[in-house]
């Protein structure tokens, strides 16, 4: 179609958990609250976007789980940071969220405590935060 730019396509290249902290004593009988702190780094030279997603699970204001997940996405062609489409930001978090959810469930189950099953999350609200927390690197 004339006059339309081509869509930026990306793929999940790798992921790994960098940090995990758990204190299950605070969990017993509490209502869970989940929060996320997303950060990104984009390299035009490599076309790679590194997402760092910090997930915190709390009960009554006491944090008992914290994980830091680092994910590398690759764009099929290097583009400018400003050309990364808005849909990328919530979608990159939504793509890796099942890994976080599964990881926390498995760890809690293996620790012989009631398994932690995170609810489905709408990452649209975090889109602006991730975009603001993204910087360009060499």
N, C-alpha and C. Protein backbone atom coordinates (compact mmCIF):
# COMPACT_ATOMS: atom_id res chain seq x y z
N UNK A 1 0.83 -1.18 0.00
CA UNK A 1 0.00 0.00 0.00
C UNK A 1 0.88 1.24 0.00
N UNK A 2 0.54 2.13 -0.84
CA UNK A 2 1.33 3.35 -0.98
C UNK A 2 1.18 4.23 0.25
N UNK A 3 2.28 4.88 0.63
CA UNK A 3 2.23 5.85 1.71
C UNK A 3 2.32 5.27 3.11
N UNK A 4 2.37 3.94 3.24
CA UNK A 4 2.48 3.35 4.57
C UNK A 4 3.89 2.84 4.78
N UNK A 5 4.44 3.12 5.97
CA UNK A 5 5.75 2.59 6.32
C UNK A 5 5.64 1.11 6.60
N UNK A 6 6.77 0.41 6.57
CA UNK A 6 6.67 -1.00 6.87
C UNK A 6 6.73 -1.23 8.37
N UNK A 7 6.06 -2.26 8.77
CA UNK A 7 5.97 -2.57 10.20
C UNK A 7 7.29 -3.12 10.71
N UNK A 8 7.67 -2.67 11.88
CA UNK A 8 8.87 -3.21 12.52
C UNK A 8 8.52 -4.56 13.12
N UNK A 9 9.27 -5.58 12.76
CA UNK A 9 9.02 -6.89 13.32
C UNK A 9 10.16 -7.26 14.26
N UNK A 10 9.82 -8.00 15.29
CA UNK A 10 10.82 -8.36 16.29
C UNK A 10 10.60 -9.80 16.74
N UNK A 11 11.65 -10.38 17.31
CA UNK A 11 11.59 -11.74 17.81
C UNK A 11 12.24 -11.80 19.19
N UNK A 12 11.81 -12.76 19.97
CA UNK A 12 12.42 -13.03 21.26
C UNK A 12 13.68 -13.84 21.01
N UNK A 13 14.82 -13.30 21.40
CA UNK A 13 16.09 -14.00 21.16
C UNK A 13 16.54 -14.81 22.36
N UNK A 14 16.41 -14.23 23.57
CA UNK A 14 16.84 -14.96 24.77
C UNK A 14 16.22 -14.31 26.00
N UNK A 15 16.23 -15.07 27.08
CA UNK A 15 15.81 -14.52 28.36
C UNK A 15 16.51 -15.28 29.48
N UNK A 16 16.66 -14.62 30.62
CA UNK A 16 17.20 -15.28 31.81
C UNK A 16 16.86 -14.45 33.04
N UNK A 17 16.69 -15.14 34.14
CA UNK A 17 16.45 -14.47 35.41
C UNK A 17 17.80 -14.11 36.01
N UNK A 18 17.99 -12.84 36.30
CA UNK A 18 19.25 -12.36 36.85
C UNK A 18 19.24 -12.38 38.38
N UNK A 19 18.10 -12.08 38.98
CA UNK A 19 18.00 -12.04 40.43
C UNK A 19 16.65 -12.58 40.87
N UNK A 20 16.67 -13.29 42.00
CA UNK A 20 15.45 -13.79 42.61
C UNK A 20 15.61 -13.69 44.12
N UNK A 21 14.61 -13.12 44.76
CA UNK A 21 14.60 -13.02 46.22
C UNK A 21 13.22 -13.45 46.70
N UNK A 22 13.18 -14.36 47.69
CA UNK A 22 11.90 -14.85 48.19
C UNK A 22 11.92 -14.97 49.70
N UNK A 23 10.84 -14.59 50.33
CA UNK A 23 10.64 -14.74 51.77
C UNK A 23 9.19 -15.16 51.96
N UNK A 24 8.95 -16.45 52.04
CA UNK A 24 7.58 -16.96 52.05
C UNK A 24 6.86 -16.79 53.38
N UNK A 25 7.55 -16.38 54.42
CA UNK A 25 6.87 -16.17 55.70
C UNK A 25 5.83 -15.06 55.60
N UNK A 26 6.07 -14.07 54.77
CA UNK A 26 5.14 -12.94 54.64
C UNK A 26 3.91 -13.30 53.83
N UNK A 27 3.94 -14.42 53.14
CA UNK A 27 2.87 -14.78 52.22
C UNK A 27 1.64 -15.36 52.91
N UNK A 28 1.82 -16.07 53.98
CA UNK A 28 0.75 -16.89 54.56
C UNK A 28 -0.53 -16.10 54.81
N UNK A 29 -1.59 -16.53 54.14
CA UNK A 29 -2.91 -15.96 54.34
C UNK A 29 -3.10 -14.53 53.89
N UNK A 30 -2.18 -14.01 53.13
CA UNK A 30 -2.23 -12.59 52.74
C UNK A 30 -2.81 -12.43 51.34
N UNK A 31 -3.33 -11.25 51.09
CA UNK A 31 -3.77 -10.88 49.76
C UNK A 31 -2.56 -10.38 48.97
N UNK A 32 -2.39 -10.91 47.78
CA UNK A 32 -1.21 -10.59 46.99
C UNK A 32 -1.40 -9.33 46.15
N UNK A 33 -0.32 -8.61 46.02
CA UNK A 33 -0.27 -7.43 45.16
C UNK A 33 0.96 -7.59 44.27
N UNK A 34 0.80 -7.34 42.98
CA UNK A 34 1.90 -7.50 42.02
C UNK A 34 2.22 -6.16 41.38
N UNK A 35 3.52 -5.85 41.28
CA UNK A 35 3.93 -4.62 40.60
C UNK A 35 5.12 -4.92 39.69
N UNK A 36 5.30 -4.05 38.71
CA UNK A 36 6.36 -4.24 37.71
C UNK A 36 7.13 -2.94 37.52
N UNK A 37 8.43 -3.07 37.34
CA UNK A 37 9.28 -1.94 36.97
C UNK A 37 10.03 -2.35 35.70
N UNK A 38 9.64 -1.82 34.55
CA UNK A 38 10.30 -2.18 33.30
C UNK A 38 11.36 -1.14 32.88
N UNK A 39 12.45 -1.63 32.34
CA UNK A 39 13.52 -0.77 31.82
C UNK A 39 13.98 -1.36 30.50
N UNK A 40 14.43 -0.50 29.59
CA UNK A 40 14.89 -0.99 28.30
C UNK A 40 16.13 -0.28 27.81
N UNK A 41 16.89 -1.01 27.00
CA UNK A 41 18.06 -0.45 26.31
C UNK A 41 17.98 -0.91 24.86
N UNK A 42 18.16 0.04 23.95
CA UNK A 42 18.09 -0.29 22.54
C UNK A 42 19.40 0.08 21.85
N UNK A 43 19.92 -0.85 21.06
CA UNK A 43 21.13 -0.62 20.27
C UNK A 43 20.76 -0.64 18.79
N UNK A 44 20.86 0.50 18.16
CA UNK A 44 20.58 0.57 16.72
C UNK A 44 21.61 -0.24 15.93
N UNK A 45 22.84 -0.27 16.43
CA UNK A 45 23.90 -0.99 15.73
C UNK A 45 23.60 -2.48 15.59
N UNK A 46 23.00 -3.07 16.63
CA UNK A 46 22.70 -4.51 16.59
C UNK A 46 21.23 -4.79 16.32
N UNK A 47 20.38 -3.77 16.47
CA UNK A 47 18.94 -3.98 16.32
C UNK A 47 18.35 -4.75 17.49
N UNK A 48 19.07 -4.75 18.64
CA UNK A 48 18.60 -5.49 19.81
C UNK A 48 18.03 -4.56 20.87
N UNK A 49 16.97 -5.02 21.48
CA UNK A 49 16.32 -4.31 22.58
C UNK A 49 16.40 -5.21 23.80
N UNK A 50 17.04 -4.72 24.87
CA UNK A 50 17.13 -5.48 26.12
C UNK A 50 16.10 -4.95 27.10
N UNK A 51 15.18 -5.81 27.46
CA UNK A 51 14.16 -5.48 28.45
C UNK A 51 14.60 -6.04 29.79
N UNK A 52 14.53 -5.22 30.81
CA UNK A 52 14.75 -5.68 32.18
C UNK A 52 13.43 -5.46 32.91
N UNK A 53 12.80 -6.56 33.30
CA UNK A 53 11.49 -6.50 33.95
C UNK A 53 11.63 -6.98 35.39
N UNK A 54 11.44 -6.04 36.31
CA UNK A 54 11.49 -6.37 37.74
C UNK A 54 10.05 -6.60 38.19
N UNK A 55 9.82 -7.75 38.77
CA UNK A 55 8.49 -8.11 39.26
C UNK A 55 8.57 -8.22 40.78
N UNK A 56 7.61 -7.58 41.44
CA UNK A 56 7.55 -7.63 42.90
C UNK A 56 6.17 -8.14 43.32
N UNK A 57 6.18 -9.08 44.25
CA UNK A 57 4.94 -9.58 44.83
C UNK A 57 4.96 -9.22 46.31
N UNK A 58 3.90 -8.57 46.75
CA UNK A 58 3.82 -8.09 48.13
C UNK A 58 2.52 -8.56 48.77
N UNK A 59 2.53 -8.53 50.08
CA UNK A 59 1.31 -8.76 50.84
C UNK A 59 1.26 -7.71 51.93
N UNK A 60 0.21 -6.93 51.94
CA UNK A 60 0.03 -5.89 52.95
C UNK A 60 1.30 -5.05 53.11
N UNK A 61 1.80 -4.59 51.97
CA UNK A 61 2.96 -3.69 51.90
C UNK A 61 4.29 -4.35 52.24
N UNK A 62 4.33 -5.66 52.49
CA UNK A 62 5.61 -6.33 52.71
C UNK A 62 5.95 -7.17 51.48
N UNK A 63 7.04 -6.82 50.85
CA UNK A 63 7.48 -7.54 49.66
C UNK A 63 8.04 -8.89 50.08
N UNK A 64 7.59 -9.95 49.41
CA UNK A 64 8.18 -11.25 49.72
C UNK A 64 8.77 -11.96 48.51
N UNK A 65 8.55 -11.43 47.33
CA UNK A 65 9.21 -11.96 46.13
C UNK A 65 9.64 -10.80 45.26
N UNK A 66 10.85 -10.91 44.74
CA UNK A 66 11.34 -9.96 43.75
C UNK A 66 12.16 -10.74 42.73
N UNK A 67 11.85 -10.54 41.46
CA UNK A 67 12.64 -11.17 40.40
C UNK A 67 13.05 -10.11 39.38
N UNK A 68 14.19 -10.32 38.79
CA UNK A 68 14.65 -9.47 37.69
C UNK A 68 14.89 -10.38 36.50
N UNK A 69 14.14 -10.13 35.45
CA UNK A 69 14.25 -10.90 34.21
C UNK A 69 14.85 -10.01 33.13
N UNK A 70 15.86 -10.53 32.45
CA UNK A 70 16.44 -9.81 31.31
C UNK A 70 16.09 -10.56 30.04
N UNK A 71 15.56 -9.83 29.08
CA UNK A 71 15.10 -10.42 27.82
C UNK A 71 15.73 -9.64 26.68
N UNK A 72 16.16 -10.36 25.66
CA UNK A 72 16.71 -9.72 24.47
C UNK A 72 15.76 -9.99 23.31
N UNK A 73 15.30 -8.89 22.70
CA UNK A 73 14.49 -8.96 21.49
C UNK A 73 15.34 -8.45 20.34
N UNK A 74 15.15 -9.00 19.18
CA UNK A 74 15.87 -8.53 18.00
C UNK A 74 14.89 -8.03 16.95
N UNK A 75 15.16 -6.86 16.43
CA UNK A 75 14.38 -6.34 15.31
C UNK A 75 14.99 -6.89 14.02
N UNK A 76 14.15 -7.19 13.04
CA UNK A 76 14.67 -7.78 11.80
C UNK A 76 15.59 -6.83 11.07
N UNK A 77 15.35 -5.53 11.23
CA UNK A 77 16.24 -4.52 10.65
C UNK A 77 16.50 -3.46 11.72
N UNK A 78 17.75 -3.01 11.84
CA UNK A 78 17.99 -1.93 12.80
C UNK A 78 17.18 -0.68 12.43
N UNK A 79 16.55 -0.09 13.42
CA UNK A 79 15.75 1.12 13.23
C UNK A 79 16.16 2.12 14.30
N UNK A 80 15.72 3.32 14.14
CA UNK A 80 15.97 4.34 15.16
C UNK A 80 15.10 4.04 16.39
N UNK A 81 15.56 4.46 17.56
CA UNK A 81 14.79 4.28 18.78
C UNK A 81 13.40 4.90 18.62
N UNK A 82 13.34 6.05 18.01
CA UNK A 82 12.06 6.74 17.84
C UNK A 82 11.11 6.01 16.89
N UNK A 83 11.64 5.08 16.08
CA UNK A 83 10.82 4.33 15.14
C UNK A 83 10.25 3.05 15.73
N UNK A 84 10.64 2.72 16.96
CA UNK A 84 10.07 1.53 17.60
C UNK A 84 8.59 1.82 17.80
N UNK A 85 7.74 0.96 17.26
CA UNK A 85 6.30 1.25 17.34
C UNK A 85 5.77 1.14 18.76
N UNK A 86 4.74 1.91 19.05
CA UNK A 86 4.15 1.91 20.38
C UNK A 86 3.68 0.54 20.81
N UNK A 87 3.22 -0.29 19.87
CA UNK A 87 2.72 -1.61 20.25
C UNK A 87 3.82 -2.52 20.79
N UNK A 88 5.07 -2.22 20.47
CA UNK A 88 6.17 -3.06 20.96
C UNK A 88 6.25 -3.05 22.48
N UNK A 89 6.08 -1.90 23.09
CA UNK A 89 6.32 -1.76 24.53
C UNK A 89 5.41 -2.64 25.39
N UNK A 90 4.09 -2.60 25.22
CA UNK A 90 3.29 -3.52 26.05
C UNK A 90 3.43 -4.98 25.60
N UNK A 91 3.61 -5.18 24.30
CA UNK A 91 3.68 -6.55 23.79
C UNK A 91 4.94 -7.28 24.23
N UNK A 92 6.07 -6.58 24.33
CA UNK A 92 7.29 -7.26 24.74
C UNK A 92 7.15 -7.78 26.18
N UNK A 93 6.45 -7.01 27.04
CA UNK A 93 6.24 -7.48 28.41
C UNK A 93 5.22 -8.61 28.45
N UNK A 94 4.18 -8.50 27.65
CA UNK A 94 3.16 -9.55 27.62
C UNK A 94 3.72 -10.86 27.09
N UNK A 95 4.67 -10.79 26.18
CA UNK A 95 5.29 -11.99 25.62
C UNK A 95 6.06 -12.76 26.68
N UNK A 96 6.76 -12.06 27.58
CA UNK A 96 7.60 -12.75 28.56
C UNK A 96 6.88 -13.00 29.89
N UNK A 97 5.73 -12.38 30.09
CA UNK A 97 5.02 -12.57 31.36
C UNK A 97 4.73 -14.04 31.67
N UNK A 98 4.33 -14.87 30.72
CA UNK A 98 4.11 -16.29 31.06
C UNK A 98 5.35 -16.97 31.65
N UNK A 99 6.55 -16.54 31.25
CA UNK A 99 7.77 -17.11 31.83
C UNK A 99 7.91 -16.72 33.30
N UNK A 100 7.60 -15.46 33.62
CA UNK A 100 7.64 -14.99 35.01
C UNK A 100 6.60 -15.74 35.82
N UNK A 101 5.41 -15.81 35.31
CA UNK A 101 4.30 -16.47 36.01
C UNK A 101 4.63 -17.93 36.30
N UNK A 102 5.12 -18.65 35.30
CA UNK A 102 5.48 -20.05 35.47
C UNK A 102 6.64 -20.23 36.44
N UNK A 103 7.63 -19.36 36.33
CA UNK A 103 8.81 -19.43 37.20
C UNK A 103 8.41 -19.29 38.67
N UNK A 104 7.58 -18.29 38.97
CA UNK A 104 7.16 -18.07 40.36
C UNK A 104 6.29 -19.22 40.86
N UNK A 105 5.43 -19.73 40.03
CA UNK A 105 4.59 -20.87 40.43
C UNK A 105 5.45 -22.09 40.74
N UNK A 106 6.40 -22.37 39.88
CA UNK A 106 7.26 -23.53 40.08
C UNK A 106 8.12 -23.39 41.33
N UNK A 107 8.71 -22.22 41.53
CA UNK A 107 9.55 -22.02 42.72
C UNK A 107 8.75 -22.16 44.01
N UNK A 108 7.57 -21.58 44.04
CA UNK A 108 6.78 -21.66 45.27
C UNK A 108 6.31 -23.10 45.50
N UNK A 109 5.95 -23.79 44.46
CA UNK A 109 5.54 -25.19 44.59
C UNK A 109 6.69 -26.04 45.11
N UNK A 110 7.89 -25.83 44.56
CA UNK A 110 9.06 -26.60 44.99
C UNK A 110 9.48 -26.25 46.43
N UNK A 111 9.11 -25.07 46.89
CA UNK A 111 9.44 -24.66 48.26
C UNK A 111 8.42 -25.21 49.25
N UNK A 112 7.43 -25.95 48.74
CA UNK A 112 6.39 -26.57 49.56
C UNK A 112 5.55 -25.54 50.32
N UNK A 113 5.25 -24.46 49.63
CA UNK A 113 4.33 -23.45 50.15
C UNK A 113 3.18 -23.36 49.13
N UNK A 114 2.06 -22.76 49.52
CA UNK A 114 0.99 -22.63 48.52
C UNK A 114 1.52 -21.95 47.26
N UNK A 115 1.28 -22.55 46.10
CA UNK A 115 1.85 -21.97 44.88
C UNK A 115 1.33 -20.57 44.60
N UNK A 116 2.22 -19.75 44.11
CA UNK A 116 1.86 -18.38 43.74
C UNK A 116 1.48 -18.40 42.26
N UNK A 117 0.25 -18.05 42.00
CA UNK A 117 -0.23 -18.00 40.62
C UNK A 117 -0.63 -16.56 40.34
N UNK A 118 0.19 -15.90 39.56
CA UNK A 118 -0.08 -14.50 39.24
C UNK A 118 -1.28 -14.39 38.32
N UNK A 119 -2.07 -13.34 38.49
CA UNK A 119 -3.23 -13.16 37.61
C UNK A 119 -2.79 -12.71 36.22
N UNK A 120 -3.69 -12.77 35.29
CA UNK A 120 -3.44 -12.23 33.95
C UNK A 120 -3.28 -10.72 34.10
N UNK A 121 -2.31 -10.15 33.41
CA UNK A 121 -1.99 -8.73 33.53
C UNK A 121 -2.17 -8.04 32.18
N UNK A 122 -2.73 -6.85 32.21
CA UNK A 122 -2.82 -6.00 31.02
C UNK A 122 -1.64 -5.02 31.10
N UNK A 123 -0.71 -5.15 30.20
CA UNK A 123 0.50 -4.34 30.24
C UNK A 123 0.36 -2.99 29.55
N UNK A 124 -0.81 -2.65 29.08
CA UNK A 124 -1.02 -1.36 28.40
C UNK A 124 -0.67 -0.19 29.30
N UNK A 125 -0.98 -0.30 30.60
CA UNK A 125 -0.69 0.79 31.52
C UNK A 125 0.81 1.01 31.71
N UNK A 126 1.62 0.00 31.44
CA UNK A 126 3.07 0.12 31.62
C UNK A 126 3.78 0.58 30.36
N UNK A 127 3.05 0.70 29.27
CA UNK A 127 3.64 1.09 27.98
C UNK A 127 4.42 2.40 28.10
N UNK A 128 3.79 3.42 28.65
CA UNK A 128 4.44 4.73 28.78
C UNK A 128 5.64 4.69 29.70
N UNK A 129 5.54 3.91 30.77
CA UNK A 129 6.65 3.80 31.72
C UNK A 129 7.86 3.17 31.04
N UNK A 130 7.63 2.05 30.33
CA UNK A 130 8.75 1.40 29.64
C UNK A 130 9.34 2.32 28.58
N UNK A 131 8.51 3.00 27.85
CA UNK A 131 9.00 3.91 26.81
C UNK A 131 9.88 5.00 27.42
N UNK A 132 9.44 5.57 28.54
CA UNK A 132 10.24 6.60 29.24
C UNK A 132 11.52 6.02 29.83
N UNK A 133 11.46 4.75 30.24
CA UNK A 133 12.62 4.10 30.87
C UNK A 133 13.52 3.39 29.85
N UNK A 134 13.35 3.70 28.58
CA UNK A 134 14.20 3.11 27.55
C UNK A 134 15.24 4.14 27.11
N UNK A 135 16.48 3.65 27.04
CA UNK A 135 17.55 4.51 26.56
C UNK A 135 18.29 3.82 25.43
N UNK A 136 18.93 4.64 24.63
CA UNK A 136 19.72 4.11 23.51
C UNK A 136 21.15 3.89 23.98
N UNK A 137 21.72 2.76 23.59
CA UNK A 137 23.11 2.43 23.93
C UNK A 137 23.88 2.17 22.65
N UNK A 138 25.16 2.22 22.75
CA UNK A 138 26.03 1.97 21.58
C UNK A 138 26.00 0.53 21.18
